[in-house]
Protein backbone atom coordinates (compact mmCIF):
# COMPACT_ATOMS: atom_id res chain seq x y z
CA UNK A 1 208.99 116.11 125.87
CA UNK A 2 206.28 115.64 128.40
CA UNK A 3 205.29 113.13 131.07
CA UNK A 4 201.47 111.70 130.22
CA UNK A 5 199.64 109.49 131.46
CA UNK A 6 197.14 107.21 129.23
CA UNK A 7 194.46 105.51 130.85
CA UNK A 8 192.29 103.12 128.52
CA UNK A 9 194.81 101.19 126.56
CA UNK A 10 192.36 99.47 124.07
CA UNK A 11 192.18 99.48 120.12
CA UNK A 12 192.57 102.85 119.78
CA UNK A 13 194.05 103.60 123.28
CA UNK A 14 197.16 101.11 122.86
CA UNK A 15 197.92 102.75 118.74
CA UNK A 16 197.80 106.36 120.39
CA UNK A 17 199.96 105.35 123.64
CA UNK A 18 202.49 104.16 121.51
CA UNK A 19 202.55 107.04 118.75
CA UNK A 20 202.97 109.15 122.08
CA UNK A 21 206.52 106.95 122.85
CA UNK A 22 207.34 107.36 119.54
CA UNK A 23 207.63 111.35 119.74
CA UNK A 24 209.96 110.98 122.64
CA UNK A 25 206.88 111.46 125.85
CA UNK A 26 207.28 109.56 128.35
CA UNK A 27 204.28 107.38 128.89
CA UNK A 28 203.00 106.36 132.25
CA UNK A 29 200.25 103.56 131.30
CA UNK A 30 196.87 102.16 133.09
CA UNK A 31 194.54 99.44 131.74
CA UNK A 32 192.13 97.16 133.33
CA UNK A 33 193.41 94.25 130.54
CA UNK A 34 197.10 92.99 131.60
CA UNK A 35 197.40 91.96 127.78
CA UNK A 36 196.91 95.62 126.62
CA UNK A 37 199.35 96.91 129.41
CA UNK A 38 201.83 94.46 127.81
CA UNK A 39 201.98 95.34 124.44
CA UNK A 40 201.94 99.46 125.24
CA UNK A 41 205.19 98.38 128.09
CA UNK A 42 206.91 96.16 125.36
CA UNK A 43 206.76 99.71 123.03
CA UNK A 44 208.14 101.39 126.21
CA UNK A 45 205.10 102.46 128.43
CA UNK A 46 205.72 102.44 132.39
CA UNK A 47 202.73 100.00 133.42
CA UNK A 48 201.22 101.42 135.94
CA UNK A 49 198.49 99.17 139.21
CA UNK A 50 196.05 102.23 139.16
CA UNK A 51 194.98 105.09 137.23
CA UNK A 52 195.98 107.65 140.24
CA UNK A 53 199.80 105.76 139.60
CA UNK A 54 199.67 106.72 136.71
CA UNK A 55 198.85 110.14 137.07
CA UNK A 56 201.35 110.77 139.75
CA UNK A 57 204.36 113.89 138.44
CA UNK A 58 202.25 114.07 134.67
CA UNK A 59 202.13 117.15 132.59
CA UNK A 60 199.06 115.52 131.04
CA UNK A 61 196.33 113.11 131.09
CA UNK A 62 194.88 111.31 128.21
CA UNK A 63 191.80 108.96 128.60
CA UNK A 64 190.39 106.85 126.18
CA UNK A 65 187.06 104.79 127.63
CA UNK A 66 184.13 103.13 126.38
CA UNK A 67 181.56 105.59 128.00
CA UNK A 68 180.49 108.52 129.87
CA UNK A 69 179.51 106.34 132.89
CA UNK A 70 183.46 105.65 132.59
CA UNK A 71 184.86 108.85 132.39
CA UNK A 72 182.88 110.02 135.04
CA UNK A 73 183.78 107.37 137.42
CA UNK A 74 187.37 107.65 136.54
CA UNK A 75 187.48 111.26 137.01
CA UNK A 76 184.58 112.34 139.22
CA UNK A 77 183.87 109.71 141.84
CA UNK A 78 184.96 110.93 145.53
CA UNK A 79 188.61 108.68 144.81
CA UNK A 80 188.12 110.47 141.27
CA UNK A 81 191.05 111.94 139.02
CA UNK A 82 190.02 115.09 139.50
CA UNK A 83 190.30 114.93 143.48
CA UNK A 84 193.96 113.88 143.14
CA UNK A 85 195.35 115.97 140.52
CA UNK A 86 197.38 119.43 141.10
CA UNK A 87 196.00 122.49 139.70
CA UNK A 88 197.20 122.85 136.00
CA UNK A 89 198.07 119.11 134.95
CA UNK A 90 196.22 119.28 131.49
CA UNK A 91 193.69 116.34 130.96
CA UNK A 92 191.89 115.26 127.68
CA UNK A 93 189.75 113.23 127.37
CA UNK A 94 189.89 110.92 123.97
CA UNK A 95 186.70 108.88 124.54
CA UNK A 96 183.21 109.20 122.63
CA UNK A 97 180.77 110.08 125.31
CA UNK A 98 177.36 111.86 125.62
CA UNK A 99 178.21 115.87 125.26
CA UNK A 100 176.42 116.65 128.94
CA UNK A 101 178.55 114.70 130.21
CA UNK A 102 181.51 116.10 128.57
CA UNK A 103 180.22 119.58 130.30
CA UNK A 104 179.62 118.29 133.44
CA UNK A 105 183.58 116.79 133.70
CA UNK A 106 184.44 119.80 132.54
CA UNK A 107 183.22 122.16 135.15
CA UNK A 108 184.34 119.92 137.96
CA UNK A 109 187.74 120.18 136.24
CA UNK A 110 187.85 124.04 135.85
CA UNK A 111 186.74 124.73 139.72
CA UNK A 112 189.73 123.09 140.59
CA UNK A 113 192.22 124.55 138.24
CA UNK A 114 192.20 121.92 135.90
CA UNK A 115 192.46 122.17 131.82
CA UNK A 116 190.19 119.71 130.55
CA UNK A 117 188.60 119.33 127.13
CA UNK A 118 186.93 116.47 125.13
CA UNK A 119 188.95 115.26 122.60
CA UNK A 120 187.21 112.70 120.43
CA UNK A 121 188.95 111.24 117.65
CA UNK A 122 187.53 110.05 114.18
CA UNK A 123 189.95 108.26 111.67
CA UNK A 124 189.10 104.05 113.37
CA UNK A 125 192.07 101.98 114.16
CA UNK A 126 194.06 102.27 111.15
CA UNK A 127 194.54 106.35 111.50
CA UNK A 128 195.25 105.21 115.55
CA UNK A 129 197.95 102.69 114.18
CA UNK A 130 199.59 105.23 111.42
CA UNK A 131 199.44 108.53 113.61
CA UNK A 132 196.77 110.47 111.38
CA UNK A 133 193.99 110.83 113.51
CA UNK A 134 191.23 113.61 113.24
CA UNK A 135 190.69 115.34 117.10
CA UNK A 136 187.43 117.67 117.63
CA UNK A 137 188.42 119.60 120.87
CA UNK A 138 186.02 121.24 123.33
CA UNK A 139 186.95 123.34 126.04
CA UNK A 140 189.42 126.67 126.42
CA UNK A 141 192.00 128.21 123.61
CA UNK A 142 194.45 128.19 126.17
CA UNK A 143 193.73 124.50 127.03
CA UNK A 144 193.74 123.68 123.24
CA UNK A 145 197.05 125.72 122.16
CA UNK A 146 198.71 123.41 125.15
CA UNK A 147 197.22 120.28 123.97
CA UNK A 148 198.02 120.80 120.46
CA UNK A 149 201.88 119.50 120.56
CA UNK A 150 200.45 116.57 122.36
CA UNK A 151 198.09 115.59 120.17
CA UNK A 152 199.66 116.20 117.12
CA UNK A 153 201.83 112.87 117.89
CA UNK A 154 198.86 110.85 117.51
CA UNK A 155 197.58 112.76 114.54
CA UNK A 156 197.13 115.34 111.16
CA UNK A 157 198.40 118.54 112.58
CA UNK A 158 195.89 119.31 109.65
CA UNK A 159 192.69 117.58 111.20
CA UNK A 160 193.47 119.15 114.50
CA UNK A 161 190.56 120.83 115.24
CA UNK A 162 189.18 123.70 118.34
CA UNK A 163 185.33 122.85 117.96
CA UNK A 164 184.11 125.29 121.14
CA UNK A 165 183.58 125.40 124.64
CA UNK A 166 183.96 122.02 127.09
CA UNK A 167 181.27 119.47 125.16
CA UNK A 168 181.52 120.65 122.02
CA UNK A 169 183.80 118.53 120.52
CA UNK A 170 181.40 115.63 121.81
CA UNK A 171 179.01 117.39 119.62
CA UNK A 172 180.92 117.59 116.55
CA UNK A 173 181.41 113.42 116.76
CA UNK A 174 178.35 113.01 116.79
CA UNK A 175 177.27 115.00 113.94
CA UNK A 176 180.02 113.53 111.72
CA UNK A 177 179.26 110.45 112.79
CA UNK A 178 175.58 110.71 111.99
CA UNK A 179 176.31 111.80 108.63
CA UNK A 180 179.39 109.14 108.42
CA UNK A 181 176.21 106.73 108.63
CA UNK A 182 173.87 108.17 106.43
CA UNK A 183 176.15 108.50 103.40
CA UNK A 184 177.85 104.74 103.88
CA UNK A 185 174.22 103.33 104.06
CA UNK A 186 173.15 106.02 100.53
CA UNK A 187 176.71 104.63 99.26
CA UNK A 188 176.03 101.18 99.78
CA UNK A 189 172.42 101.84 97.97
CA UNK A 190 173.67 103.20 95.32
CA UNK A 191 176.33 100.32 94.59
CA UNK A 192 173.71 97.62 95.11
CA UNK A 193 171.12 99.48 92.63
CA UNK A 194 174.16 99.26 90.09
CA UNK A 195 175.21 96.11 90.36
CA UNK A 196 171.76 94.73 90.20
CA UNK A 197 171.31 96.21 87.27
CA UNK A 198 174.82 95.07 85.46
CA UNK A 199 177.17 97.42 86.21
CA UNK A 200 180.85 96.73 87.54
CA UNK A 201 180.79 97.97 91.04
CA UNK A 202 184.33 99.63 90.83
CA UNK A 203 183.67 101.54 87.58
CA UNK A 204 180.15 102.78 89.09
CA UNK A 205 182.33 103.92 91.95
CA UNK A 206 184.79 105.60 89.96
CA UNK A 207 182.11 107.72 88.13
CA UNK A 208 180.46 108.24 91.24
CA UNK A 209 184.08 110.25 92.85
CA UNK A 210 183.67 111.82 89.86
CA UNK A 211 180.44 113.17 90.08
CA UNK A 212 177.63 115.01 92.75
CA UNK A 213 177.59 111.79 94.61
CA UNK A 214 181.22 111.79 95.61
CA UNK A 215 182.00 111.09 99.66
CA UNK A 216 184.40 109.39 101.57
CA UNK A 217 182.94 106.35 101.70
CA UNK A 218 183.65 105.73 97.83
CA UNK A 219 186.88 107.48 98.16
CA UNK A 220 188.82 105.54 100.90
CA UNK A 221 186.51 103.38 102.60
CA UNK A 222 185.03 101.44 99.40
CA UNK A 223 181.98 98.87 101.05
CA UNK A 224 182.32 97.11 97.87
CA UNK A 225 184.16 93.86 97.65
CA UNK A 226 187.37 94.21 95.94
CA UNK A 227 187.29 97.56 94.50
CA UNK A 228 189.71 99.59 97.41
CA UNK A 229 192.34 97.82 99.16
CA UNK A 230 193.52 97.46 102.62
CA UNK A 231 189.71 98.38 103.70
CA UNK A 232 187.12 96.31 105.89
CA UNK A 233 184.91 95.56 102.84
CA UNK A 234 187.99 93.94 101.28
CA UNK A 235 188.87 91.60 104.59
CA UNK A 236 185.44 89.99 105.29
CA UNK A 237 184.56 93.35 107.02
CA UNK A 238 187.16 93.14 109.69
CA UNK A 239 186.94 96.64 111.76
CA UNK A 240 187.75 98.81 110.81
CA UNK A 241 184.71 100.56 112.95
CA UNK A 242 182.95 98.01 114.49
CA UNK A 243 178.99 97.93 114.25
CA UNK A 244 178.37 98.72 117.48
CA UNK A 245 180.21 101.63 117.87
CA UNK A 246 177.93 103.10 114.84
CA UNK A 247 175.08 102.21 117.27
CA UNK A 248 176.77 103.85 119.43
CA UNK A 249 177.27 107.17 118.38
CA UNK A 250 174.51 107.18 116.21
CA UNK A 251 172.39 107.03 119.34
CA UNK A 252 174.59 109.45 121.27
CA UNK A 253 173.91 111.94 117.86
CA UNK A 254 170.30 111.10 118.55
CA UNK A 255 170.29 111.87 122.08
CA UNK A 256 172.29 115.28 121.10
CA UNK A 257 169.81 115.67 118.00
CA UNK A 258 166.14 115.22 120.34
CA UNK A 259 167.78 117.94 123.28
CA UNK A 260 167.92 120.55 119.97
CA UNK A 261 164.72 119.86 118.92
CA UNK A 262 166.49 119.41 115.60
CA UNK A 263 164.11 116.64 112.83
CA UNK A 264 166.92 114.42 112.46
CA UNK A 265 165.13 111.32 110.49
CA UNK A 266 167.89 110.35 108.19
CA UNK A 267 169.95 109.88 111.29
CA UNK A 268 166.74 107.78 113.31
CA UNK A 269 166.90 105.46 109.91
CA UNK A 270 170.56 105.66 110.35
CA UNK A 271 170.34 104.46 113.39
CA UNK A 272 167.63 101.68 112.85
CA UNK A 273 169.15 100.02 110.32
CA UNK A 274 172.63 99.53 112.05
CA UNK A 275 170.47 98.27 114.95
CA UNK A 276 168.83 95.97 112.93
CA UNK A 277 172.14 94.92 111.06
CA UNK A 278 173.68 94.39 114.72
CA UNK A 279 170.56 91.98 116.27
CA UNK A 280 171.78 89.59 113.01
CA UNK A 281 174.95 89.34 114.81
CA UNK A 282 177.33 92.09 113.15
CA UNK A 283 178.31 93.69 116.19
CA UNK A 284 181.57 93.20 115.85
CA UNK A 285 181.86 93.58 112.31
CA UNK A 286 182.89 96.47 110.10
CA UNK A 287 180.25 99.34 109.50
CA UNK A 288 180.40 99.17 106.26
CA UNK A 289 179.02 95.80 106.01
CA UNK A 290 175.58 97.06 106.47
CA UNK A 291 176.28 96.75 102.38
CA UNK A 292 175.00 93.65 102.68
CA UNK A 293 172.16 94.37 104.44
CA UNK A 294 171.23 96.78 102.09
CA UNK A 295 171.84 93.83 99.28
CA UNK A 296 169.46 91.26 101.38
CA UNK A 297 166.44 93.55 101.30
């Protein structure tokens, strides 16, 4: 078992750290929130007074931070972790950030003899709690093999992917979530059209799941209330995966597409629709609540 520092214990990071503890790892934790620290400490985590303190004597560091600027601050600042960690430590940044920042941090880490991977996740809070997250990893093949046993404590083994070099994990995450937003909106439109014409949304969902319109939103995350148990739509759209986070991820995807000169018309439309939904006060609700906007238009 490894000694692991975990930095960032929010809705995703907290459950991930707890699953590392369940797997038998020693987890040294840091977060700016005293409540978040206390929650994971109660599960066996070792609370630390700073990120640097949490990283003392560790085999690996995992971070789950809000944005690229926070990742740069934690790792690349004059007093950042990359200036303090010894060679050979494995660093896994599970934050969802821009790919350029991931490449930059990965490059600095490589120059200092530190294995760095961007390892953004998919699956939301439920998968973080269940330990069934998907990981999209960017970095060297050697770092990926070192990371796999640690990631398997937090995710499903068949859902841990080596996407390519540093930054590739972030590109994969951006592409995935752009597609997720597009097919969620399309699913909402199709179900709304059927309901407006007298079809039972549950019956229509069953028809589409057995037909060419089948997709993940229909299979495991149906946006229509009371069609599926255990999903946000059947719990007043409690997240789940917040609209605020979807807007963030679609913005990152749009940056990647523009930099790549890709005409992502559907991605841009999804971004504008989710921004409109966010501006109406839905930022903290689950992203499947976009159904309500579709039905009102």
